[in-house]
Amino acid sequence: MNKTLLCTAAIALLSLGGIAQANITIETVAIGNAGNAADPYTGSLYGSVGYNYNIGKYEVTAGQYTAFLNAKANVSDAYGLYNADMWNSSYGCKIQQTSVTGGYSYAVDSAFANRPVNCVSFWDACRFTNWLGNGQGNNSTETGAYTLNNYNGPLGGNIQRNSGWTYAVTSEDEWYKAAYYKNGGYSLYANGTSVAPGVETDSNYGGIGGIYSTTWDGTIHGALEQNGTKDMMGNVFEWNEAIPYQNANYASRGLRGGSFLYNSYYLQSSSRDIYGYPYDEINYLGFRVSEVPEPSSIIALLGGLAGLIGIRRRKA
């Protein structure tokens, strides 16, 4: 299922001033072939998903995240959804917080609205997807795909995806399958081959001149990858739900896909970052979302087919 991406500077600039904000939508691509085998190259550990799902065509953008901030961090920012490095860092995604009467407003530089949000923690990503699944607006960030109960710390290994979710941070298997699996087989890179993409032509990695924030124009960085996704190689590492490592002090969360700061090794299916502190908000960290296909679209299709059958019967 594809959706229209509403991520313009106009939406990003909406703030407190009594202006009604339009909901954002996330453009997704459908990932089918439920029950596929895991990748034998990784010892049958990753890539098997037992259900059909949709995945964000792009990483969540600075424009989309700005709309989230204006909805949920406008009076206070109790959960630390905003990080000043988004604006202050030379590699930030250029979202600016402004103090206004009664709270805050947020705006993104129009040149960055369609670029990936960064400086976001795993918990920020969970709250964003809860908000999406709850209908946006002023709805809850603490329940939905994840029951957070105000948690924002280094552990949280017991916080897992709830049943009945609609949007979620990608699981590692969902991310892996979308990146590396197609037509019954796996590839080393998300371009369907064992050949690394070109730097500054097909992807955005390797720290070449600090080129983090590139636009998605389909010709410079982030060419469409094998399942119709974009930018799963480079740009920013993407959080996933996996807990690769856990001790008494913290439970790490998974990261995949490499970033503008790291070489092509981190783009490979064999590369798995196991030490992502879930509270980290760093300029090379972002995320994309998974979505369950809407039953209504299937029902509508069946209804349409039934209508056609009825017409044919009447004509007969």
C-alpha atoms as a PDB file:
ATOM      1  CA  MET A   1       0.000   0.000   0.000  1.00  0.00           C
ATOM      2  CA  ASN A   2       1.416   3.355  -0.987  1.00  0.00           C
ATOM      3  CA  LYS A   3       0.466   6.520   0.816  1.00  0.00           C
ATOM      4  CA  THR A   4       0.964  10.162  -0.043  1.00  0.00           C
ATOM      5  CA  LEU A   5       3.903  11.684   1.796  1.00  0.00           C
ATOM      6  CA  LEU A   6       2.798  14.907   3.480  1.00  0.00           C
ATOM      7  CA  CYS A   7       6.083  16.342   4.622  1.00  0.00           C
ATOM      8  CA  THR A   8       6.270  19.841   3.247  1.00  0.00           C
ATOM      9  CA  ALA A   9       7.807  22.866   4.860  1.00  0.00           C
ATOM     10  CA  ALA A  10       4.302  24.297   5.266  1.00  0.00           C
ATOM     11  CA  ILE A  11       3.306  21.465   7.591  1.00  0.00           C
ATOM     12  CA  ALA A  12       6.649  21.662   9.366  1.00  0.00           C
ATOM     13  CA  LEU A  13       6.207  25.354  10.083  1.00  0.00           C
ATOM     14  CA  LEU A  14       2.795  25.001  11.726  1.00  0.00           C
ATOM     15  CA  SER A  15       3.066  25.795  15.415  1.00  0.00           C
ATOM     16  CA  LEU A  16       1.110  27.010  18.415  1.00  0.00           C
ATOM     17  CA  GLY A  17      -0.593  30.170  17.123  1.00  0.00           C
ATOM     18  CA  GLY A  18      -4.022  28.544  16.938  1.00  0.00           C
ATOM     19  CA  ILE A  19      -3.415  27.031  13.496  1.00  0.00           C
ATOM     20  CA  ALA A  20      -4.967  23.596  13.052  1.00  0.00           C
ATOM     21  CA  GLN A  21      -2.317  21.126  12.016  1.00  0.00           C
ATOM     22  CA  ALA A  22      -2.928  18.661   9.249  1.00  0.00           C
ATOM     23  CA  ASN A  23      -2.106  15.041  10.004  1.00  0.00           C
ATOM     24  CA  ILE A  24       0.999  13.662   8.415  1.00  0.00           C
ATOM     25  CA  THR A  25       0.956  10.408   6.480  1.00  0.00           C
ATOM     26  CA  ILE A  26       3.832   8.063   5.873  1.00  0.00           C
ATOM     27  CA  GLU A  27       4.482   6.721   2.395  1.00  0.00           C
ATOM     28  CA  THR A  28       4.985   2.981   2.649  1.00  0.00           C
ATOM     29  CA  VAL A  29       5.768   0.012   0.423  1.00  0.00           C
ATOM     30  CA  ALA A  30       4.225  -3.434   0.829  1.00  0.00           C
ATOM     31  CA  ILE A  31       6.418  -6.357   1.845  1.00  0.00           C
ATOM     32  CA  GLY A  32       4.709  -9.671   1.128  1.00  0.00           C
ATOM     33  CA  ASN A  33       5.711 -13.340   0.932  1.00  0.00           C
ATOM     34  CA  ALA A  34       4.815 -13.970   4.571  1.00  0.00           C
ATOM     35  CA  GLY A  35       6.657 -16.857   6.207  1.00  0.00           C
ATOM     36  CA  ASN A  36       9.797 -16.529   4.099  1.00  0.00           C
ATOM     37  CA  ALA A  37      12.903 -18.343   5.271  1.00  0.00           C
ATOM     38  CA  ALA A  38      15.615 -16.478   7.140  1.00  0.00           C
ATOM     39  CA  ASP A  39      18.878 -15.591   5.442  1.00  0.00           C
ATOM     40  CA  PRO A  40      21.092 -18.706   5.429  1.00  0.00           C
ATOM     41  CA  TYR A  41      24.161 -16.466   5.188  1.00  0.00           C
ATOM     42  CA  THR A  42      23.507 -15.264   8.738  1.00  0.00           C
ATOM     43  CA  GLY A  43      22.944 -18.758  10.100  1.00  0.00           C
ATOM     44  CA  SER A  44      19.167 -18.508   9.577  1.00  0.00           C
ATOM     45  CA  LEU A  45      18.899 -15.730  12.153  1.00  0.00           C
ATOM     46  CA  TYR A  46      17.449 -12.726  10.314  1.00  0.00           C
ATOM     47  CA  GLY A  47      14.859 -11.823   7.717  1.00  0.00           C
ATOM     48  CA  SER A  48      12.026 -14.278   8.331  1.00  0.00           C
ATOM     49  CA  VAL A  49       8.684 -12.500   8.885  1.00  0.00           C
ATOM     50  CA  GLY A  50       5.491 -14.481   9.320  1.00  0.00           C
ATOM     51  CA  TYR A  51       3.073 -11.785   8.146  1.00  0.00           C
ATOM     52  CA  ASN A  52       2.681  -9.205   5.414  1.00  0.00           C
ATOM     53  CA  TYR A  53       3.454  -5.635   6.404  1.00  0.00           C
ATOM     54  CA  ASN A  54       4.267  -2.210   5.045  1.00  0.00           C
ATOM     55  CA  ILE A  55       7.511  -0.362   5.691  1.00  0.00           C
ATOM     56  CA  GLY A  56       8.300   3.308   5.339  1.00  0.00           C
ATOM     57  CA  LYS A  57       9.614   4.050   1.877  1.00  0.00           C
ATOM     58  CA  TYR A  58      11.859   6.649   3.505  1.00  0.00           C
ATOM     59  CA  GLU A  59      13.321   7.281   6.906  1.00  0.00           C
ATOM     60  CA  VAL A  60      11.054   9.466   9.055  1.00  0.00           C
ATOM     61  CA  THR A  61      11.764  13.010   7.965  1.00  0.00           C
ATOM     62  CA  ALA A  62      12.583  16.205   9.807  1.00  0.00           C
ATOM     63  CA  GLY A  63       9.311  17.690   8.533  1.00  0.00           C
ATOM     64  CA  GLN A  64       7.258  14.799   9.882  1.00  0.00           C
ATOM     65  CA  TYR A  65       9.041  14.892  13.224  1.00  0.00           C
ATOM     66  CA  THR A  66       8.511  18.655  13.457  1.00  0.00           C
ATOM     67  CA  ALA A  67       4.760  18.108  13.178  1.00  0.00           C
ATOM     68  CA  PHE A  68       5.071  15.579  16.000  1.00  0.00           C
ATOM     69  CA  LEU A  69       6.957  18.083  18.176  1.00  0.00           C
ATOM     70  CA  ASN A  70       4.378  20.784  17.549  1.00  0.00           C
ATOM     71  CA  ALA A  71       1.649  18.369  18.623  1.00  0.00           C
ATOM     72  CA  LYS A  72       3.305  16.749  21.661  1.00  0.00           C
ATOM     73  CA  ALA A  73       6.153  19.003  22.875  1.00  0.00           C
ATOM     74  CA  ASN A  74       4.444  22.359  22.466  1.00  0.00           C
ATOM     75  CA  VAL A  75       3.475  23.013  26.097  1.00  0.00           C
ATOM     76  CA  SER A  76       6.383  21.170  27.688  1.00  0.00           C
ATOM     77  CA  ASP A  77       8.855  18.546  26.528  1.00  0.00           C
ATOM     78  CA  ALA A  78       8.651  16.142  29.438  1.00  0.00           C
ATOM     79  CA  TYR A  79      10.032  13.218  27.437  1.00  0.00           C
ATOM     80  CA  GLY A  80      12.910  15.077  25.790  1.00  0.00           C
ATOM     81  CA  LEU A  81      11.557  14.593  22.276  1.00  0.00           C
ATOM     82  CA  TYR A  82      13.578  17.568  21.072  1.00  0.00           C
ATOM     83  CA  ASN A  83      17.366  17.695  21.123  1.00  0.00           C
ATOM     84  CA  ALA A  84      19.056  21.073  20.640  1.00  0.00           C
ATOM     85  CA  ASP A  85      21.653  19.401  18.399  1.00  0.00           C
ATOM     86  CA  MET A  86      18.934  19.081  15.788  1.00  0.00           C
ATOM     87  CA  TRP A  87      19.453  22.802  15.254  1.00  0.00           C
ATOM     88  CA  ASN A  88      22.880  23.553  16.699  1.00  0.00           C
ATOM     89  CA  SER A  89      24.962  20.717  15.296  1.00  0.00           C
ATOM     90  CA  SER A  90      26.548  21.147  11.886  1.00  0.00           C
ATOM     91  CA  TYR A  91      25.103  17.704  11.087  1.00  0.00           C
ATOM     92  CA  GLY A  92      21.708  18.358  12.665  1.00  0.00           C
ATOM     93  CA  CYS A  93      18.423  18.094  10.772  1.00  0.00           C
ATOM     94  CA  LYS A  94      17.722  21.805  11.347  1.00  0.00           C
ATOM     95  CA  ILE A  95      14.645  21.709  13.535  1.00  0.00           C
ATOM     96  CA  GLN A  96      14.550  24.809  15.725  1.00  0.00           C
ATOM     97  CA  GLN A  97      12.718  25.192  19.028  1.00  0.00           C
ATOM     98  CA  THR A  98      11.360  28.647  19.900  1.00  0.00           C
ATOM     99  CA  SER A  99       9.918  29.687  23.273  1.00  0.00           C
ATOM    100  CA  VAL A 100       6.456  31.193  22.923  1.00  0.00           C
ATOM    101  CA  THR A 101       3.732  32.149  25.364  1.00  0.00           C
ATOM    102  CA  GLY A 102       2.619  28.957  27.032  1.00  0.00           C
ATOM    103  CA  GLY A 103       5.325  26.698  25.698  1.00  0.00           C
ATOM    104  CA  TYR A 104       7.272  26.055  22.516  1.00  0.00           C
ATOM    105  CA  SER A 105       6.897  25.999  18.777  1.00  0.00           C
ATOM    106  CA  TYR A 106       9.072  24.166  16.264  1.00  0.00           C
ATOM    107  CA  ALA A 107      10.054  24.872  12.689  1.00  0.00           C
ATOM    108  CA  VAL A 108      12.349  23.128  10.247  1.00  0.00           C
ATOM    109  CA  ASP A 109      14.536  24.740   7.631  1.00  0.00           C
ATOM    110  CA  SER A 110      12.621  24.178   4.394  1.00  0.00           C
ATOM    111  CA  ALA A 111      15.725  22.680   2.755  1.00  0.00           C
ATOM    112  CA  PHE A 112      15.742  19.928   5.408  1.00  0.00           C
ATOM    113  CA  ALA A 113      12.033  19.077   5.670  1.00  0.00           C
ATOM    114  CA  ASN A 114      12.316  16.011   3.409  1.00  0.00           C
ATOM    115  CA  ARG A 115      15.609  14.824   4.873  1.00  0.00           C
ATOM    116  CA  PRO A 116      15.883  12.253   7.651  1.00  0.00           C
ATOM    117  CA  VAL A 117      15.362  13.355  11.218  1.00  0.00           C
ATOM    118  CA  ASN A 118      18.380  12.624  13.414  1.00  0.00           C
ATOM    119  CA  CYS A 119      19.433  13.101  17.051  1.00  0.00           C
ATOM    120  CA  VAL A 120      16.499  10.869  18.074  1.00  0.00           C
ATOM    121  CA  SER A 121      16.583   8.077  20.644  1.00  0.00           C
ATOM    122  CA  PHE A 122      14.897   4.695  20.412  1.00  0.00           C
ATOM    123  CA  TRP A 123      12.320   5.966  22.922  1.00  0.00           C
ATOM    124  CA  ASP A 124      11.653   9.028  20.741  1.00  0.00           C
ATOM    125  CA  ALA A 125      10.992   6.648  17.855  1.00  0.00           C
ATOM    126  CA  CYS A 126       8.620   4.542  19.981  1.00  0.00           C
ATOM    127  CA  ARG A 127       6.691   7.638  21.053  1.00  0.00           C
ATOM    128  CA  PHE A 128       6.413   8.836  17.453  1.00  0.00           C
ATOM    129  CA  THR A 129       4.933   5.503  16.338  1.00  0.00           C
ATOM    130  CA  ASN A 130       2.544   5.388  19.319  1.00  0.00           C
ATOM    131  CA  TRP A 131       1.378   8.865  18.323  1.00  0.00           C
ATOM    132  CA  LEU A 132       0.869   7.789  14.718  1.00  0.00           C
ATOM    133  CA  GLY A 133      -1.091   4.709  15.726  1.00  0.00           C
ATOM    134  CA  ASN A 134      -3.274   6.690  18.123  1.00  0.00           C
ATOM    135  CA  GLY A 135      -4.391   9.106  15.415  1.00  0.00           C
ATOM    136  CA  GLN A 136      -1.843  11.913  15.949  1.00  0.00           C
ATOM    137  CA  GLY A 137      -3.077  15.268  17.247  1.00  0.00           C
ATOM    138  CA  ASN A 138      -2.832  15.415  21.025  1.00  0.00           C
ATOM    139  CA  ASN A 139      -3.215  11.669  21.448  1.00  0.00           C
ATOM    140  CA  SER A 140      -1.008   9.569  23.686  1.00  0.00           C
ATOM    141  CA  THR A 141       2.652   8.795  23.136  1.00  0.00           C
ATOM    142  CA  GLU A 142       2.747   6.378  26.085  1.00  0.00           C
ATOM    143  CA  THR A 143       0.402   3.640  24.908  1.00  0.00           C
ATOM    144  CA  GLY A 144      -0.110   1.931  21.580  1.00  0.00           C
ATOM    145  CA  ALA A 145       2.519  -0.244  19.966  1.00  0.00           C
ATOM    146  CA  TYR A 146       4.575   0.225  23.150  1.00  0.00           C
ATOM    147  CA  THR A 147       3.510   0.692  26.753  1.00  0.00           C
ATOM    148  CA  LEU A 148       6.100   3.203  27.943  1.00  0.00           C
ATOM    149  CA  ASN A 149       4.656   4.580  31.192  1.00  0.00           C
ATOM    150  CA  ASN A 150       6.970   7.611  31.094  1.00  0.00           C
ATOM    151  CA  TYR A 151      10.079   5.417  30.705  1.00  0.00           C
ATOM    152  CA  ASN A 152      13.122   7.008  29.081  1.00  0.00           C
ATOM    153  CA  GLY A 153      16.135   5.163  30.503  1.00  0.00           C
ATOM    154  CA  PRO A 154      18.937   2.759  29.586  1.00  0.00           C
ATOM    155  CA  LEU A 155      17.109  -0.520  30.321  1.00  0.00           C
ATOM    156  CA  GLY A 156      13.544  -1.134  29.147  1.00  0.00           C
ATOM    157  CA  GLY A 157      14.248  -4.596  27.802  1.00  0.00           C
ATOM    158  CA  ASN A 158      10.761  -5.568  28.949  1.00  0.00           C
ATOM    159  CA  ILE A 159       9.235  -2.968  26.635  1.00  0.00           C
ATOM    160  CA  GLN A 160       8.238  -4.940  23.568  1.00  0.00           C
ATOM    161  CA  ARG A 161       5.737  -4.391  20.768  1.00  0.00           C
ATOM    162  CA  ASN A 162       2.151  -4.930  21.845  1.00  0.00           C
ATOM    163  CA  SER A 163      -0.399  -6.917  19.876  1.00  0.00           C
ATOM    164  CA  GLY A 164      -2.883  -4.849  17.928  1.00  0.00           C
ATOM    165  CA  TRP A 165      -0.237  -2.362  16.771  1.00  0.00           C
ATOM    166  CA  THR A 166      -0.754  -0.250  13.677  1.00  0.00           C
ATOM    167  CA  TYR A 167       2.580   1.613  13.465  1.00  0.00           C
ATOM    168  CA  ALA A 168       5.827   0.529  15.124  1.00  0.00           C
ATOM    169  CA  VAL A 169       9.558   0.989  14.969  1.00  0.00           C
ATOM    170  CA  THR A 170      10.730  -1.720  12.578  1.00  0.00           C
ATOM    171  CA  SER A 171      11.687  -5.064  14.034  1.00  0.00           C
ATOM    172  CA  GLU A 172      15.111  -6.244  12.943  1.00  0.00           C
ATOM    173  CA  ASP A 173      13.546  -8.957  10.781  1.00  0.00           C
ATOM    174  CA  GLU A 174      11.136  -6.501   9.128  1.00  0.00           C
ATOM    175  CA  TRP A 175      13.999  -4.128   8.354  1.00  0.00           C
ATOM    176  CA  TYR A 176      16.308  -6.912   7.160  1.00  0.00           C
ATOM    177  CA  LYS A 177      13.709  -8.470   4.884  1.00  0.00           C
ATOM    178  CA  ALA A 178      12.808  -5.165   3.263  1.00  0.00           C
ATOM    179  CA  ALA A 179      16.476  -4.350   2.685  1.00  0.00           C
ATOM    180  CA  TYR A 180      18.004  -7.640   1.579  1.00  0.00           C
ATOM    181  CA  TYR A 181      15.288 -10.116   0.504  1.00  0.00           C
ATOM    182  CA  LYS A 182      13.563 -10.374  -2.848  1.00  0.00           C
ATOM    183  CA  ASN A 183      12.298 -13.132  -5.139  1.00  0.00           C
ATOM    184  CA  GLY A 184      13.184 -15.881  -2.708  1.00  0.00           C
ATOM    185  CA  GLY A 185      16.770 -14.870  -2.024  1.00  0.00           C
ATOM    186  CA  TYR A 186      19.005 -12.498  -0.078  1.00  0.00           C
ATOM    187  CA  SER A 187      21.697 -10.057  -1.156  1.00  0.00           C
ATOM    188  CA  LEU A 188      24.643  -8.527   0.665  1.00  0.00           C
ATOM    189  CA  TYR A 189      23.498  -4.961  -0.025  1.00  0.00           C
ATOM    190  CA  ALA A 190      20.051  -3.415  -0.240  1.00  0.00           C
ATOM    191  CA  ASN A 191      20.507  -2.880  -3.973  1.00  0.00           C
ATOM    192  CA  GLY A 192      20.010  -6.599  -4.637  1.00  0.00           C
ATOM    193  CA  THR A 193      23.684  -7.287  -5.344  1.00  0.00           C
ATOM    194  CA  SER A 194      26.969  -8.092  -3.627  1.00  0.00           C
ATOM    195  CA  VAL A 195      28.447  -4.835  -4.932  1.00  0.00           C
ATOM    196  CA  ALA A 196      28.576  -1.773  -2.677  1.00  0.00           C
ATOM    197  CA  PRO A 197      26.675   1.269  -3.964  1.00  0.00           C
ATOM    198  CA  GLY A 198      28.652   4.267  -5.117  1.00  0.00           C
ATOM    199  CA  VAL A 199      29.426   7.026  -2.668  1.00  0.00           C
ATOM    200  CA  GLU A 200      27.737  10.317  -3.626  1.00  0.00           C
ATOM    201  CA  THR A 201      25.926   8.657  -6.532  1.00  0.00           C
ATOM    202  CA  ASP A 202      23.765   5.865  -5.146  1.00  0.00           C
ATOM    203  CA  SER A 203      24.020   6.219  -1.395  1.00  0.00           C
ATOM    204  CA  ASN A 204      25.303   8.460   1.376  1.00  0.00           C
ATOM    205  CA  TYR A 205      28.034   6.884   3.457  1.00  0.00           C
ATOM    206  CA  GLY A 206      31.698   7.129   4.239  1.00  0.00           C
ATOM    207  CA  GLY A 207      31.875  10.613   5.759  1.00  0.00           C
ATOM    208  CA  ILE A 208      32.630  12.257   2.445  1.00  0.00           C
ATOM    209  CA  GLY A 209      32.723  15.962   3.232  1.00  0.00           C
ATOM    210  CA  GLY A 210      29.930  15.809   5.789  1.00  0.00           C
ATOM    211  CA  ILE A 211      27.184  15.071   3.287  1.00  0.00           C
ATOM    212  CA  TYR A 212      24.612  13.757   5.748  1.00  0.00           C
ATOM    213  CA  SER A 213      21.579  15.747   4.703  1.00  0.00           C
ATOM    214  CA  THR A 214      20.928  14.966   1.081  1.00  0.00           C
ATOM    215  CA  THR A 215      17.566  15.318  -0.571  1.00  0.00           C
ATOM    216  CA  TRP A 216      15.643  12.338  -1.900  1.00  0.00           C
ATOM    217  CA  ASP A 217      15.672  13.230  -5.550  1.00  0.00           C
ATOM    218  CA  GLY A 218      16.120   9.713  -6.882  1.00  0.00           C
ATOM    219  CA  THR A 219      19.210  10.633  -8.846  1.00  0.00           C
ATOM    220  CA  ILE A 220      21.879  11.759  -6.360  1.00  0.00           C
ATOM    221  CA  HIS A 221      21.582   9.836  -3.096  1.00  0.00           C
ATOM    222  CA  GLY A 222      19.302   7.019  -2.089  1.00  0.00           C
ATOM    223  CA  ALA A 223      18.283   5.579  -5.428  1.00  0.00           C
ATOM    224  CA  LEU A 224      15.305   3.240  -5.139  1.00  0.00           C
ATOM    225  CA  GLU A 225      16.396  -0.045  -3.630  1.00  0.00           C
ATOM    226  CA  GLN A 226      15.212  -3.527  -4.400  1.00  0.00           C
ATOM    227  CA  ASN A 227      11.799  -3.485  -2.695  1.00  0.00           C
ATOM    228  CA  GLY A 228      10.946   0.114  -3.529  1.00  0.00           C
ATOM    229  CA  THR A 229      12.465   1.504  -0.342  1.00  0.00           C
ATOM    230  CA  LYS A 230      14.932   4.345  -0.260  1.00  0.00           C
ATOM    231  CA  ASP A 231      17.979   5.199   1.840  1.00  0.00           C
ATOM    232  CA  MET A 232      18.306   1.898   3.670  1.00  0.00           C
ATOM    233  CA  MET A 233      22.001   2.225   2.874  1.00  0.00           C
ATOM    234  CA  GLY A 234      23.675   5.226   4.484  1.00  0.00           C
ATOM    235  CA  ASN A 235      22.196   8.561   5.547  1.00  0.00           C
ATOM    236  CA  VAL A 236      21.564   7.605   9.204  1.00  0.00           C
ATOM    237  CA  PHE A 237      21.647   4.340  11.130  1.00  0.00           C
ATOM    238  CA  GLU A 238      18.084   3.215  11.778  1.00  0.00           C
ATOM    239  CA  TRP A 239      16.812   1.997  15.134  1.00  0.00           C
ATOM    240  CA  ASN A 240      15.098  -1.385  15.300  1.00  0.00           C
ATOM    241  CA  GLU A 241      13.431  -3.276  18.153  1.00  0.00           C
ATOM    242  CA  ALA A 242      16.085  -5.949  18.643  1.00  0.00           C
ATOM    243  CA  ILE A 243      17.877  -6.246  21.984  1.00  0.00           C
ATOM    244  CA  PRO A 244      21.273  -7.553  20.864  1.00  0.00           C
ATOM    245  CA  TYR A 245      22.945  -7.129  24.251  1.00  0.00           C
ATOM    246  CA  GLN A 246      21.685  -6.810  27.802  1.00  0.00           C
ATOM    247  CA  ASN A 247      23.249  -6.607  31.247  1.00  0.00           C
ATOM    248  CA  ALA A 248      22.295  -5.145  34.604  1.00  0.00           C
ATOM    249  CA  ASN A 249      22.950  -1.586  33.409  1.00  0.00           C
ATOM    250  CA  TYR A 250      21.338  -1.349  30.002  1.00  0.00           C
ATOM    251  CA  ALA A 251      19.532  -3.180  27.225  1.00  0.00           C
ATOM    252  CA  SER A 252      20.855  -2.164  23.830  1.00  0.00           C
ATOM    253  CA  ARG A 253      18.611  -1.703  20.815  1.00  0.00           C
ATOM    254  CA  GLY A 254      19.450  -2.652  17.263  1.00  0.00           C
ATOM    255  CA  LEU A 255      20.834  -0.408  14.531  1.00  0.00           C
ATOM    256  CA  ARG A 256      21.031  -1.222  10.833  1.00  0.00           C
ATOM    257  CA  GLY A 257      21.915   0.384   7.541  1.00  0.00           C
ATOM    258  CA  GLY A 258      25.083   2.417   8.087  1.00  0.00           C
ATOM    259  CA  SER A 259      25.338   6.188   7.988  1.00  0.00           C
ATOM    260  CA  PHE A 260      27.095   9.140   6.443  1.00  0.00           C
ATOM    261  CA  LEU A 261      29.931   8.673   8.974  1.00  0.00           C
ATOM    262  CA  TYR A 262      30.767   5.014   8.295  1.00  0.00           C
ATOM    263  CA  ASN A 263      32.196   3.048   5.389  1.00  0.00           C
ATOM    264  CA  SER A 264      30.407   0.541   3.181  1.00  0.00           C
ATOM    265  CA  TYR A 265      30.936  -2.377   5.573  1.00  0.00           C
ATOM    266  CA  TYR A 266      28.078  -1.043   7.707  1.00  0.00           C
ATOM    267  CA  LEU A 267      25.702  -1.179   4.749  1.00  0.00           C
ATOM    268  CA  GLN A 268      26.008  -4.948   4.520  1.00  0.00           C
ATOM    269  CA  SER A 269      23.507  -7.515   5.735  1.00  0.00           C
ATOM    270  CA  SER A 270      26.317  -9.020   7.810  1.00  0.00           C
ATOM    271  CA  SER A 271      26.835  -5.775   9.756  1.00  0.00           C
ATOM    272  CA  ARG A 272      24.828  -5.504  12.963  1.00  0.00           C
ATOM    273  CA  ASP A 273      25.421  -2.804  15.553  1.00  0.00           C
ATOM    274  CA  ILE A 274      24.720  -4.384  18.939  1.00  0.00           C
ATOM    275  CA  TYR A 275      25.545  -1.501  21.267  1.00  0.00           C
ATOM    276  CA  GLY A 276      22.907   1.117  20.513  1.00  0.00           C
ATOM    277  CA  TYR A 277      22.109   2.778  23.830  1.00  0.00           C
ATOM    278  CA  PRO A 278      18.332   3.327  23.554  1.00  0.00           C
ATOM    279  CA  TYR A 279      18.527   6.819  25.064  1.00  0.00           C
ATOM    280  CA  ASP A 280      21.257   8.010  22.653  1.00  0.00           C
ATOM    281  CA  GLU A 281      20.355  11.031  20.530  1.00  0.00           C
ATOM    282  CA  ILE A 282      23.238  11.280  18.060  1.00  0.00           C
ATOM    283  CA  ASN A 283      23.505  12.919  14.667  1.00  0.00           C
ATOM    284  CA  TYR A 284      23.888   9.604  12.843  1.00  0.00           C
ATOM    285  CA  LEU A 285      20.759   7.985  14.361  1.00  0.00           C
ATOM    286  CA  GLY A 286      17.274   7.999  12.826  1.00  0.00           C
ATOM    287  CA  PHE A 287      14.486   5.490  12.136  1.00  0.00           C
ATOM    288  CA  ARG A 288      11.726   4.316   9.836  1.00  0.00           C
ATOM    289  CA  VAL A 289       8.382   2.748  10.658  1.00  0.00           C
ATOM    290  CA  SER A 290       6.515  -0.466   9.991  1.00  0.00           C
ATOM    291  CA  GLU A 291       2.766  -0.527   9.457  1.00  0.00           C
ATOM    292  CA  VAL A 292       0.190  -3.290   9.329  1.00  0.00           C
ATOM    293  CA  PRO A 293      -1.776  -3.325   6.075  1.00  0.00           C
ATOM    294  CA  GLU A 294      -5.217  -1.833   6.610  1.00  0.00           C
ATOM    295  CA  PRO A 295      -7.949  -4.493   6.574  1.00  0.00           C
ATOM    296  CA  SER A 296     -10.258  -1.886   5.030  1.00  0.00           C
ATOM    297  CA  SER A 297      -8.240  -1.959   1.815  1.00  0.00           C
ATOM    298  CA  ILE A 298      -8.736  -5.719   1.553  1.00  0.00           C
ATOM    299  CA  ILE A 299     -12.430  -5.415   2.396  1.00  0.00           C
ATOM    300  CA  ALA A 300     -12.834  -2.690  -0.215  1.00  0.00           C
ATOM    301  CA  LEU A 301     -11.173  -4.915  -2.801  1.00  0.00           C
ATOM    302  CA  LEU A 302     -13.439  -7.841  -1.961  1.00  0.00           C
ATOM    303  CA  GLY A 303     -16.444  -5.529  -2.030  1.00  0.00           C
ATOM    304  CA  GLY A 304     -15.461  -4.288  -5.456  1.00  0.00           C
ATOM    305  CA  LEU A 305     -15.083  -7.829  -6.755  1.00  0.00           C
ATOM    306  CA  ALA A 306     -18.481  -8.752  -5.330  1.00  0.00           C
ATOM    307  CA  GLY A 307     -19.989  -5.753  -7.083  1.00  0.00           C
ATOM    308  CA  LEU A 308     -18.497  -6.788 -10.404  1.00  0.00           C
ATOM    309  CA  ILE A 309     -19.825 -10.301  -9.962  1.00  0.00           C
ATOM    310  CA  GLY A 310     -23.293  -8.892  -9.205  1.00  0.00           C
ATOM    311  CA  ILE A 311     -23.210  -6.731 -12.320  1.00  0.00           C
ATOM    312  CA  ARG A 312     -22.192  -9.660 -14.467  1.00  0.00           C
ATOM    313  CA  ARG A 313     -25.008 -11.772 -13.031  1.00  0.00           C
ATOM    314  CA  ARG A 314     -27.575  -9.062 -13.750  1.00  0.00           C
ATOM    315  CA  LYS A 315     -26.318  -8.730 -17.295  1.00  0.00           C
ATOM    316  CA  ALA A 316     -26.574 -12.472 -17.757  1.00  0.00           C
END
